[in-house]
Amino acid sequence: MSLVWINGQLVDKSEARISVFDHGFLYGDGVWEHFRAFGGIVHEAPLAWLDNAAQAAGIAIPLAMDEMKAAIEETVRANNRAEGYVRVIVTRGAGTLGPDPRKIAPHIVIVVEEYCPFPREVYEHGLHVAAIHIGDVPQGFRRSLSGERIVEAKQQALKNGCLDALLVKPLDRVIGSTEGDIFIVVNGTVINAPKDAVELTSAQVGSIADRESIPLVPRSTPLLLADVVAADEVFVAGISCGIIAIVRVDGKPIGLGTEGPIAKRIREAYCQLTRGSD
């Protein structure tokens, strides 16, 4: 049994319903954020990001953030998950067939499930990815319910025999992958590229690098596809996927074409930090 929190009520996922007139369904009019629970503890840093995204969309979340935290924790407990993936969805709410956003009450949905986008055995070997050009998308598009660019990129990557896609904007600017943020490693230094949407896991990479005495420097200029391909190592950091190396881009090897030593140290340290094991 899996329970879903919908506007204050826990219901079995087979019975979870929203109106076909919900503007999240009709227009992709809403936002979302995701979290991880480890050892029954929900990592809550992105709550402010959820609130900011909703405000930017002109949606007033009907819960204070401490109430949202309590609702997330309630849903984790109700599903008896010491570990799990948490997604919070805030839609404009049910209205009419027109896009008029007035007089609509927002809806909140909280889902807690087991979810990992890649097979476990891939983590020690690394990902093959495809570089997919997605056009000049707006800032914050990865947290909008209008996620067609992400879906299209994932579809194209799978057609190319890859499990993930690098998201490439005009002028060959890489802004991440479908599952997280991109880090490159050059001469033993981790380079933290400018991001469209910062993941909590990316912030944890900085803490891990500091504790492991791994140099990390921020990059002030856009990360280009050529920078990724020429790097010694590349890895993805994301809430859904954790830490995983990228070993090939469009069939071309990164470094030696295997998980590099820096990516391995950070991946293992992240597992230790979150699960107490490797």
C-alpha atoms as a PDB file:
ATOM      1  CA  MET A   1       0.000   0.000   0.000  1.00  0.00           C
ATOM      2  CA  SER A   2       1.190   3.498  -0.833  1.00  0.00           C
ATOM      3  CA  LEU A   3      -0.536   6.568   0.567  1.00  0.00           C
ATOM      4  CA  VAL A   4      -0.676   9.964  -1.128  1.00  0.00           C
ATOM      5  CA  TRP A   5      -1.331  13.233   0.731  1.00  0.00           C
ATOM      6  CA  ILE A   6      -3.851  15.369  -1.160  1.00  0.00           C
ATOM      7  CA  ASN A   7      -4.988  18.644   0.370  1.00  0.00           C
ATOM      8  CA  GLY A   8      -4.684  17.331   3.912  1.00  0.00           C
ATOM      9  CA  GLN A   9      -6.033  13.816   3.345  1.00  0.00           C
ATOM     10  CA  LEU A  10      -4.060  10.576   3.049  1.00  0.00           C
ATOM     11  CA  VAL A  11      -5.521   8.258   0.410  1.00  0.00           C
ATOM     12  CA  ASP A  12      -4.316   5.067  -1.235  1.00  0.00           C
ATOM     13  CA  LYS A  13      -2.545   5.875  -4.490  1.00  0.00           C
ATOM     14  CA  SER A  14      -5.076   3.761  -6.400  1.00  0.00           C
ATOM     15  CA  GLU A  15      -7.755   6.143  -5.135  1.00  0.00           C
ATOM     16  CA  ALA A  16      -5.793   9.387  -5.541  1.00  0.00           C
ATOM     17  CA  ARG A  17      -7.723  11.820  -7.724  1.00  0.00           C
ATOM     18  CA  ILE A  18      -7.506  15.368  -9.016  1.00  0.00           C
ATOM     19  CA  SER A  19     -10.050  17.137 -11.184  1.00  0.00           C
ATOM     20  CA  VAL A  20      -9.635  17.083 -14.959  1.00  0.00           C
ATOM     21  CA  PHE A  21     -10.185  20.839 -14.645  1.00  0.00           C
ATOM     22  CA  ASP A  22      -7.085  21.261 -12.460  1.00  0.00           C
ATOM     23  CA  HIS A  23      -4.878  23.855 -14.141  1.00  0.00           C
ATOM     24  CA  GLY A  24      -1.807  21.769 -13.383  1.00  0.00           C
ATOM     25  CA  PHE A  25      -3.296  19.084 -15.641  1.00  0.00           C
ATOM     26  CA  LEU A  26      -4.734  21.439 -18.247  1.00  0.00           C
ATOM     27  CA  TYR A  27      -1.855  23.895 -18.566  1.00  0.00           C
ATOM     28  CA  GLY A  28       1.097  22.582 -16.570  1.00  0.00           C
ATOM     29  CA  ASP A  29       0.302  25.484 -14.245  1.00  0.00           C
ATOM     30  CA  GLY A  30       2.123  24.595 -11.060  1.00  0.00           C
ATOM     31  CA  VAL A  31       5.472  23.858  -9.466  1.00  0.00           C
ATOM     32  CA  TRP A  32       7.146  20.985  -7.679  1.00  0.00           C
ATOM     33  CA  GLU A  33      10.109  20.166  -5.482  1.00  0.00           C
ATOM     34  CA  HIS A  34      11.636  16.902  -4.370  1.00  0.00           C
ATOM     35  CA  PHE A  35      13.287  15.612  -1.236  1.00  0.00           C
ATOM     36  CA  ARG A  36      14.897  12.477   0.158  1.00  0.00           C
ATOM     37  CA  ALA A  37      14.216  10.681   3.389  1.00  0.00           C
ATOM     38  CA  PHE A  38      17.163   8.838   4.907  1.00  0.00           C
ATOM     39  CA  GLY A  39      16.809   6.987   8.185  1.00  0.00           C
ATOM     40  CA  GLY A  40      13.318   8.422   8.527  1.00  0.00           C
ATOM     41  CA  ILE A  41      14.666  11.991   8.387  1.00  0.00           C
ATOM     42  CA  VAL A  42      13.524  14.256   5.568  1.00  0.00           C
ATOM     43  CA  HIS A  43      16.168  16.559   4.129  1.00  0.00           C
ATOM     44  CA  GLU A  44      14.157  19.774   4.049  1.00  0.00           C
ATOM     45  CA  ALA A  45      16.445  22.450   2.574  1.00  0.00           C
ATOM     46  CA  PRO A  46      14.451  22.817  -0.677  1.00  0.00           C
ATOM     47  CA  LEU A  47      11.273  23.937   1.145  1.00  0.00           C
ATOM     48  CA  ALA A  48      12.286  27.562   0.641  1.00  0.00           C
ATOM     49  CA  TRP A  49      12.970  26.794  -3.021  1.00  0.00           C
ATOM     50  CA  LEU A  50       9.444  25.400  -3.382  1.00  0.00           C
ATOM     51  CA  ASP A  51       7.988  28.519  -1.805  1.00  0.00           C
ATOM     52  CA  ASN A  52      10.091  30.771  -4.051  1.00  0.00           C
ATOM     53  CA  ALA A  53       9.069  28.854  -7.176  1.00  0.00           C
ATOM     54  CA  ALA A  54       5.390  29.113  -6.234  1.00  0.00           C
ATOM     55  CA  GLN A  55       5.691  32.836  -5.574  1.00  0.00           C
ATOM     56  CA  ALA A  56       7.396  33.329  -8.941  1.00  0.00           C
ATOM     57  CA  ALA A  57       4.438  31.543 -10.564  1.00  0.00           C
ATOM     58  CA  GLY A  58       1.975  33.684  -8.625  1.00  0.00           C
ATOM     59  CA  ILE A  59       0.653  30.726  -6.609  1.00  0.00           C
ATOM     60  CA  ALA A  60       0.022  31.247  -2.901  1.00  0.00           C
ATOM     61  CA  ILE A  61       0.730  27.932  -1.155  1.00  0.00           C
ATOM     62  CA  PRO A  62      -2.073  27.450   1.400  1.00  0.00           C
ATOM     63  CA  LEU A  63       0.332  26.005   3.985  1.00  0.00           C
ATOM     64  CA  ALA A  64       3.094  27.686   5.939  1.00  0.00           C
ATOM     65  CA  MET A  65       6.442  25.995   5.383  1.00  0.00           C
ATOM     66  CA  ASP A  66       6.450  24.476   8.888  1.00  0.00           C
ATOM     67  CA  GLU A  67       3.023  22.992   8.086  1.00  0.00           C
ATOM     68  CA  MET A  68       4.366  21.701   4.779  1.00  0.00           C
ATOM     69  CA  LYS A  69       7.273  20.075   6.598  1.00  0.00           C
ATOM     70  CA  ALA A  70       4.833  18.405   9.012  1.00  0.00           C
ATOM     71  CA  ALA A  71       2.708  17.162   6.092  1.00  0.00           C
ATOM     72  CA  ILE A  72       5.767  15.670   4.383  1.00  0.00           C
ATOM     73  CA  GLU A  73       6.879  13.945   7.578  1.00  0.00           C
ATOM     74  CA  GLU A  74       3.341  12.631   8.142  1.00  0.00           C
ATOM     75  CA  THR A  75       3.301  11.130   4.649  1.00  0.00           C
ATOM     76  CA  VAL A  76       6.726   9.509   5.129  1.00  0.00           C
ATOM     77  CA  ARG A  77       5.574   7.956   8.429  1.00  0.00           C
ATOM     78  CA  ALA A  78       2.239   6.831   6.973  1.00  0.00           C
ATOM     79  CA  ASN A  79       4.095   4.983   4.223  1.00  0.00           C
ATOM     80  CA  ASN A  80       6.476   3.431   6.780  1.00  0.00           C
ATOM     81  CA  ARG A  81       9.511   4.509   4.785  1.00  0.00           C
ATOM     82  CA  ALA A  82      12.819   5.002   6.531  1.00  0.00           C
ATOM     83  CA  GLU A  83      14.168   5.822   3.083  1.00  0.00           C
ATOM     84  CA  GLY A  84      12.237   7.202   0.172  1.00  0.00           C
ATOM     85  CA  TYR A  85      11.847   9.750  -2.565  1.00  0.00           C
ATOM     86  CA  VAL A  86       9.433  12.578  -1.802  1.00  0.00           C
ATOM     87  CA  ARG A  87       7.790  14.809  -4.370  1.00  0.00           C
ATOM     88  CA  VAL A  88       5.613  17.801  -3.471  1.00  0.00           C
ATOM     89  CA  ILE A  89       3.400  19.184  -6.240  1.00  0.00           C
ATOM     90  CA  VAL A  90       1.546  22.490  -5.969  1.00  0.00           C
ATOM     91  CA  THR A  91      -0.957  23.228  -8.742  1.00  0.00           C
ATOM     92  CA  ARG A  92      -2.986  26.333  -9.445  1.00  0.00           C
ATOM     93  CA  GLY A  93      -6.048  24.225  -8.637  1.00  0.00           C
ATOM     94  CA  ALA A  94      -9.316  23.313 -10.348  1.00  0.00           C
ATOM     95  CA  GLY A  95     -10.876  26.061 -12.447  1.00  0.00           C
ATOM     96  CA  THR A  96     -12.370  26.289 -15.914  1.00  0.00           C
ATOM     97  CA  LEU A  97     -11.146  25.294 -19.355  1.00  0.00           C
ATOM     98  CA  GLY A  98      -9.810  28.805 -19.793  1.00  0.00           C
ATOM     99  CA  PRO A  99      -6.413  29.916 -18.418  1.00  0.00           C
ATOM    100  CA  ASP A 100      -7.911  32.568 -16.106  1.00  0.00           C
ATOM    101  CA  PRO A 101      -6.089  32.008 -12.757  1.00  0.00           C
ATOM    102  CA  ARG A 102      -8.524  34.002 -10.603  1.00  0.00           C
ATOM    103  CA  LYS A 103     -10.723  32.505  -7.887  1.00  0.00           C
ATOM    104  CA  ILE A 104      -8.860  29.203  -7.920  1.00  0.00           C
ATOM    105  CA  ALA A 105      -7.640  27.482  -4.738  1.00  0.00           C
ATOM    106  CA  PRO A 106      -4.214  25.796  -5.080  1.00  0.00           C
ATOM    107  CA  HIS A 107      -3.937  22.034  -4.601  1.00  0.00           C
ATOM    108  CA  ILE A 108      -1.086  20.250  -2.821  1.00  0.00           C
ATOM    109  CA  VAL A 109      -0.063  16.655  -3.501  1.00  0.00           C
ATOM    110  CA  ILE A 110       2.691  14.797  -1.606  1.00  0.00           C
ATOM    111  CA  VAL A 111       3.967  11.465  -2.908  1.00  0.00           C
ATOM    112  CA  VAL A 112       6.475   9.191  -1.142  1.00  0.00           C
ATOM    113  CA  GLU A 113       7.838   6.289  -3.173  1.00  0.00           C
ATOM    114  CA  GLU A 114      10.958   4.256  -3.800  1.00  0.00           C
ATOM    115  CA  TYR A 115      12.563   5.805  -6.845  1.00  0.00           C
ATOM    116  CA  CYS A 116      15.993   5.662  -8.437  1.00  0.00           C
ATOM    117  CA  PRO A 117      16.287   6.682 -12.096  1.00  0.00           C
ATOM    118  CA  PHE A 118      19.233   4.386 -12.840  1.00  0.00           C
ATOM    119  CA  PRO A 119      19.920   0.701 -12.128  1.00  0.00           C
ATOM    120  CA  ARG A 120      22.038   0.237  -9.006  1.00  0.00           C
ATOM    121  CA  GLU A 121      24.708  -1.672 -10.909  1.00  0.00           C
ATOM    122  CA  VAL A 122      25.348   1.369 -13.145  1.00  0.00           C
ATOM    123  CA  TYR A 123      26.676   3.469 -10.259  1.00  0.00           C
ATOM    124  CA  GLU A 124      30.088   1.788 -10.154  1.00  0.00           C
ATOM    125  CA  HIS A 125      30.435   1.897 -13.935  1.00  0.00           C
ATOM    126  CA  GLY A 126      29.009   5.308 -14.800  1.00  0.00           C
ATOM    127  CA  LEU A 127      26.477   6.708 -17.249  1.00  0.00           C
ATOM    128  CA  HIS A 128      26.468   7.004 -20.997  1.00  0.00           C
ATOM    129  CA  VAL A 129      24.610  10.226 -21.869  1.00  0.00           C
ATOM    130  CA  ALA A 130      23.489  12.055 -24.979  1.00  0.00           C
ATOM    131  CA  ALA A 131      23.892  15.805 -25.446  1.00  0.00           C
ATOM    132  CA  ILE A 132      20.417  17.111 -26.277  1.00  0.00           C
ATOM    133  CA  HIS A 133      19.794  20.686 -27.382  1.00  0.00           C
ATOM    134  CA  ILE A 134      16.647  21.978 -25.664  1.00  0.00           C
ATOM    135  CA  GLY A 135      16.465  25.585 -26.875  1.00  0.00           C
ATOM    136  CA  ASP A 136      16.533  28.774 -24.840  1.00  0.00           C
ATOM    137  CA  VAL A 137      14.355  27.689 -21.914  1.00  0.00           C
ATOM    138  CA  PRO A 138      13.500  30.133 -19.088  1.00  0.00           C
ATOM    139  CA  GLN A 139      15.184  30.199 -15.681  1.00  0.00           C
ATOM    140  CA  GLY A 140      13.655  27.670 -13.294  1.00  0.00           C
ATOM    141  CA  PHE A 141      11.959  25.604 -16.015  1.00  0.00           C
ATOM    142  CA  ARG A 142      13.009  22.346 -14.345  1.00  0.00           C
ATOM    143  CA  ARG A 143      10.616  23.000 -11.430  1.00  0.00           C
ATOM    144  CA  SER A 144       7.616  23.855 -13.574  1.00  0.00           C
ATOM    145  CA  LEU A 145       4.936  21.225 -14.197  1.00  0.00           C
ATOM    146  CA  SER A 146       5.388  22.066 -17.884  1.00  0.00           C
ATOM    147  CA  GLY A 147       8.226  19.574 -18.221  1.00  0.00           C
ATOM    148  CA  GLU A 148       7.966  18.686 -21.893  1.00  0.00           C
ATOM    149  CA  ARG A 149      11.578  19.710 -22.619  1.00  0.00           C
ATOM    150  CA  ILE A 150      12.816  17.322 -19.934  1.00  0.00           C
ATOM    151  CA  VAL A 151      10.627  14.502 -21.239  1.00  0.00           C
ATOM    152  CA  GLU A 152      11.711  15.110 -24.827  1.00  0.00           C
ATOM    153  CA  ALA A 153      15.388  15.123 -23.809  1.00  0.00           C
ATOM    154  CA  LYS A 154      14.968  11.859 -21.867  1.00  0.00           C
ATOM    155  CA  GLN A 155      13.137  10.252 -24.786  1.00  0.00           C
ATOM    156  CA  GLN A 156      15.858  11.268 -27.234  1.00  0.00           C
ATOM    157  CA  ALA A 157      18.591   9.994 -24.932  1.00  0.00           C
ATOM    158  CA  LEU A 158      16.868   6.619 -24.595  1.00  0.00           C
ATOM    159  CA  LYS A 159      16.488   6.412 -28.372  1.00  0.00           C
ATOM    160  CA  ASN A 160      20.258   6.987 -28.583  1.00  0.00           C
ATOM    161  CA  GLY A 161      20.888   4.096 -26.188  1.00  0.00           C
ATOM    162  CA  CYS A 162      21.677   6.347 -23.192  1.00  0.00           C
ATOM    163  CA  LEU A 163      20.082   6.527 -19.744  1.00  0.00           C
ATOM    164  CA  ASP A 164      20.338  10.297 -19.347  1.00  0.00           C
ATOM    165  CA  ALA A 165      20.715  13.501 -21.338  1.00  0.00           C
ATOM    166  CA  LEU A 166      22.870  16.564 -20.958  1.00  0.00           C
ATOM    167  CA  LEU A 167      20.602  19.587 -21.306  1.00  0.00           C
ATOM    168  CA  VAL A 168      22.248  21.974 -23.752  1.00  0.00           C
ATOM    169  CA  LYS A 169      21.017  25.535 -24.354  1.00  0.00           C
ATOM    170  CA  PRO A 170      22.055  27.753 -27.287  1.00  0.00           C
ATOM    171  CA  LEU A 171      25.775  28.489 -27.643  1.00  0.00           C
ATOM    172  CA  ASP A 172      26.443  24.946 -26.343  1.00  0.00           C
ATOM    173  CA  ARG A 173      25.798  25.912 -22.696  1.00  0.00           C
ATOM    174  CA  VAL A 174      25.280  22.843 -20.505  1.00  0.00           C
ATOM    175  CA  ILE A 175      22.856  23.519 -17.646  1.00  0.00           C
ATOM    176  CA  GLY A 176      22.578  20.024 -16.163  1.00  0.00           C
ATOM    177  CA  SER A 177      21.118  16.644 -16.943  1.00  0.00           C
ATOM    178  CA  THR A 178      17.516  15.487 -16.761  1.00  0.00           C
ATOM    179  CA  GLU A 179      18.263  14.135 -13.270  1.00  0.00           C
ATOM    180  CA  GLY A 180      20.566  16.697 -11.677  1.00  0.00           C
ATOM    181  CA  ASP A 181      23.410  19.200 -11.768  1.00  0.00           C
ATOM    182  CA  ILE A 182      26.712  18.685 -13.542  1.00  0.00           C
ATOM    183  CA  PHE A 183      30.185  18.863 -11.993  1.00  0.00           C
ATOM    184  CA  ILE A 184      33.428  18.483 -13.903  1.00  0.00           C
ATOM    185  CA  VAL A 185      36.847  17.543 -12.548  1.00  0.00           C
ATOM    186  CA  VAL A 186      40.028  19.020 -14.055  1.00  0.00           C
ATOM    187  CA  ASN A 187      43.483  18.258 -12.624  1.00  0.00           C
ATOM    188  CA  GLY A 188      41.982  16.961  -9.378  1.00  0.00           C
ATOM    189  CA  THR A 189      39.776  20.030  -8.814  1.00  0.00           C
ATOM    190  CA  VAL A 190      35.992  19.836  -8.808  1.00  0.00           C
ATOM    191  CA  ILE A 191      34.412  22.687 -10.736  1.00  0.00           C
ATOM    192  CA  ASN A 192      30.948  23.695  -9.648  1.00  0.00           C
ATOM    193  CA  ALA A 193      29.248  25.043 -12.765  1.00  0.00           C
ATOM    194  CA  PRO A 194      26.579  27.787 -12.792  1.00  0.00           C
ATOM    195  CA  LYS A 195      23.139  26.195 -12.464  1.00  0.00           C
ATOM    196  CA  ASP A 196      19.605  26.793 -13.619  1.00  0.00           C
ATOM    197  CA  ALA A 197      18.202  25.112 -10.476  1.00  0.00           C
ATOM    198  CA  VAL A 198      20.383  24.125  -7.542  1.00  0.00           C
ATOM    199  CA  GLU A 199      19.853  20.646  -6.102  1.00  0.00           C
ATOM    200  CA  LEU A 200      20.243  19.928  -2.403  1.00  0.00           C
ATOM    201  CA  THR A 201      22.661  17.149  -3.357  1.00  0.00           C
ATOM    202  CA  SER A 202      24.837  19.719  -5.139  1.00  0.00           C
ATOM    203  CA  ALA A 203      25.114  21.710  -1.925  1.00  0.00           C
ATOM    204  CA  GLN A 204      26.149  18.534  -0.139  1.00  0.00           C
ATOM    205  CA  VAL A 205      28.914  17.975  -2.701  1.00  0.00           C
ATOM    206  CA  GLY A 206      30.586  21.129  -1.417  1.00  0.00           C
ATOM    207  CA  SER A 207      30.489  19.847   2.166  1.00  0.00           C
ATOM    208  CA  ILE A 208      31.834  16.458   1.105  1.00  0.00           C
ATOM    209  CA  ALA A 209      34.650  18.002  -0.938  1.00  0.00           C
ATOM    210  CA  ASP A 210      35.657  20.143   2.039  1.00  0.00           C
ATOM    211  CA  ARG A 211      35.665  17.179   4.416  1.00  0.00           C
ATOM    212  CA  GLU A 212      37.582  14.995   1.937  1.00  0.00           C
ATOM    213  CA  SER A 213      40.100  17.801   1.216  1.00  0.00           C
ATOM    214  CA  ILE A 214      39.120  17.820  -2.454  1.00  0.00           C
ATOM    215  CA  PRO A 215      39.579  21.256  -4.058  1.00  0.00           C
ATOM    216  CA  LEU A 216      36.294  22.745  -5.323  1.00  0.00           C
ATOM    217  CA  VAL A 217      36.022  26.055  -7.119  1.00  0.00           C
ATOM    218  CA  PRO A 218      32.950  27.807  -8.543  1.00  0.00           C
ATOM    219  CA  ARG A 219      32.903  28.575 -12.232  1.00  0.00           C
ATOM    220  CA  SER A 220      31.886  32.104 -13.139  1.00  0.00           C
ATOM    221  CA  THR A 221      31.318  31.485 -16.847  1.00  0.00           C
ATOM    222  CA  PRO A 222      28.849  29.102 -18.519  1.00  0.00           C
ATOM    223  CA  LEU A 223      29.821  25.452 -18.726  1.00  0.00           C
ATOM    224  CA  LEU A 224      30.149  24.536 -22.386  1.00  0.00           C
ATOM    225  CA  LEU A 225      29.724  21.135 -23.986  1.00  0.00           C
ATOM    226  CA  ALA A 226      33.389  21.260 -25.028  1.00  0.00           C
ATOM    227  CA  ASP A 227      34.376  21.726 -21.348  1.00  0.00           C
ATOM    228  CA  VAL A 228      32.420  18.614 -20.379  1.00  0.00           C
ATOM    229  CA  VAL A 229      33.902  16.444 -23.105  1.00  0.00           C
ATOM    230  CA  ALA A 230      37.474  17.636 -22.318  1.00  0.00           C
ATOM    231  CA  ALA A 231      37.189  17.143 -18.522  1.00  0.00           C
ATOM    232  CA  ASP A 232      39.086  14.429 -16.663  1.00  0.00           C
ATOM    233  CA  GLU A 233      35.882  13.381 -14.889  1.00  0.00           C
ATOM    234  CA  VAL A 234      32.229  14.379 -14.930  1.00  0.00           C
ATOM    235  CA  PHE A 235      29.477  13.506 -12.484  1.00  0.00           C
ATOM    236  CA  VAL A 236      25.821  14.258 -11.822  1.00  0.00           C
ATOM    237  CA  ALA A 237      24.482  15.269  -8.404  1.00  0.00           C
ATOM    238  CA  GLY A 238      20.734  15.062  -7.889  1.00  0.00           C
ATOM    239  CA  ILE A 239      18.152  14.289  -5.229  1.00  0.00           C
ATOM    240  CA  SER A 240      16.652  11.466  -7.258  1.00  0.00           C
ATOM    241  CA  CYS A 241      19.914   9.900  -8.453  1.00  0.00           C
ATOM    242  CA  GLY A 242      22.438  10.822  -5.747  1.00  0.00           C
ATOM    243  CA  ILE A 243      25.979  10.952  -7.176  1.00  0.00           C
ATOM    244  CA  ILE A 244      26.824   9.125 -10.390  1.00  0.00           C
ATOM    245  CA  ALA A 245      29.677   9.538 -12.873  1.00  0.00           C
ATOM    246  CA  ILE A 246      29.217  10.286 -16.553  1.00  0.00           C
ATOM    247  CA  VAL A 247      31.719   8.227 -18.546  1.00  0.00           C
ATOM    248  CA  ARG A 248      30.620   8.816 -22.133  1.00  0.00           C
ATOM    249  CA  VAL A 249      28.946  11.702 -23.972  1.00  0.00           C
ATOM    250  CA  ASP A 250      27.541  10.892 -27.408  1.00  0.00           C
ATOM    251  CA  GLY A 251      29.731   7.796 -27.404  1.00  0.00           C
ATOM    252  CA  LYS A 252      32.942   9.712 -26.645  1.00  0.00           C
ATOM    253  CA  PRO A 253      34.752   8.695 -23.444  1.00  0.00           C
ATOM    254  CA  ILE A 254      35.289  11.120 -20.573  1.00  0.00           C
ATOM    255  CA  GLY A 255      38.849  10.637 -19.350  1.00  0.00           C
ATOM    256  CA  LEU A 256      39.486   6.894 -19.352  1.00  0.00           C
ATOM    257  CA  GLY A 257      35.824   6.113 -19.917  1.00  0.00           C
ATOM    258  CA  THR A 258      35.329   4.795 -16.371  1.00  0.00           C
ATOM    259  CA  GLU A 259      34.313   6.273 -13.025  1.00  0.00           C
ATOM    260  CA  GLY A 260      37.195   8.501 -11.955  1.00  0.00           C
ATOM    261  CA  PRO A 261      38.801   8.558  -8.499  1.00  0.00           C
ATOM    262  CA  ILE A 262      37.300  11.921  -7.443  1.00  0.00           C
ATOM    263  CA  ALA A 263      33.773  10.968  -8.498  1.00  0.00           C
ATOM    264  CA  LYS A 264      34.154   7.649  -6.673  1.00  0.00           C
ATOM    265  CA  ARG A 265      35.311   9.332  -3.449  1.00  0.00           C
ATOM    266  CA  ILE A 266      32.429  11.794  -3.537  1.00  0.00           C
ATOM    267  CA  ARG A 267      29.870   9.085  -4.388  1.00  0.00           C
ATOM    268  CA  GLU A 268      31.037   6.841  -1.555  1.00  0.00           C
ATOM    269  CA  ALA A 269      31.157   9.735   0.898  1.00  0.00           C
ATOM    270  CA  TYR A 270      27.623  10.735  -0.098  1.00  0.00           C
ATOM    271  CA  CYS A 271      26.391   7.179   0.528  1.00  0.00           C
ATOM    272  CA  GLN A 272      28.091   7.209   3.915  1.00  0.00           C
ATOM    273  CA  LEU A 273      26.587  10.599   4.744  1.00  0.00           C
ATOM    274  CA  THR A 274      23.043   9.679   3.794  1.00  0.00           C
ATOM    275  CA  ARG A 275      22.808   5.963   4.499  1.00  0.00           C
ATOM    276  CA  GLY A 276      25.689   5.217   6.814  1.00  0.00           C
ATOM    277  CA  SER A 277      27.109   2.742   4.287  1.00  0.00           C
ATOM    278  CA  ASP A 278      28.779   2.552   0.910  1.00  0.00           C
END
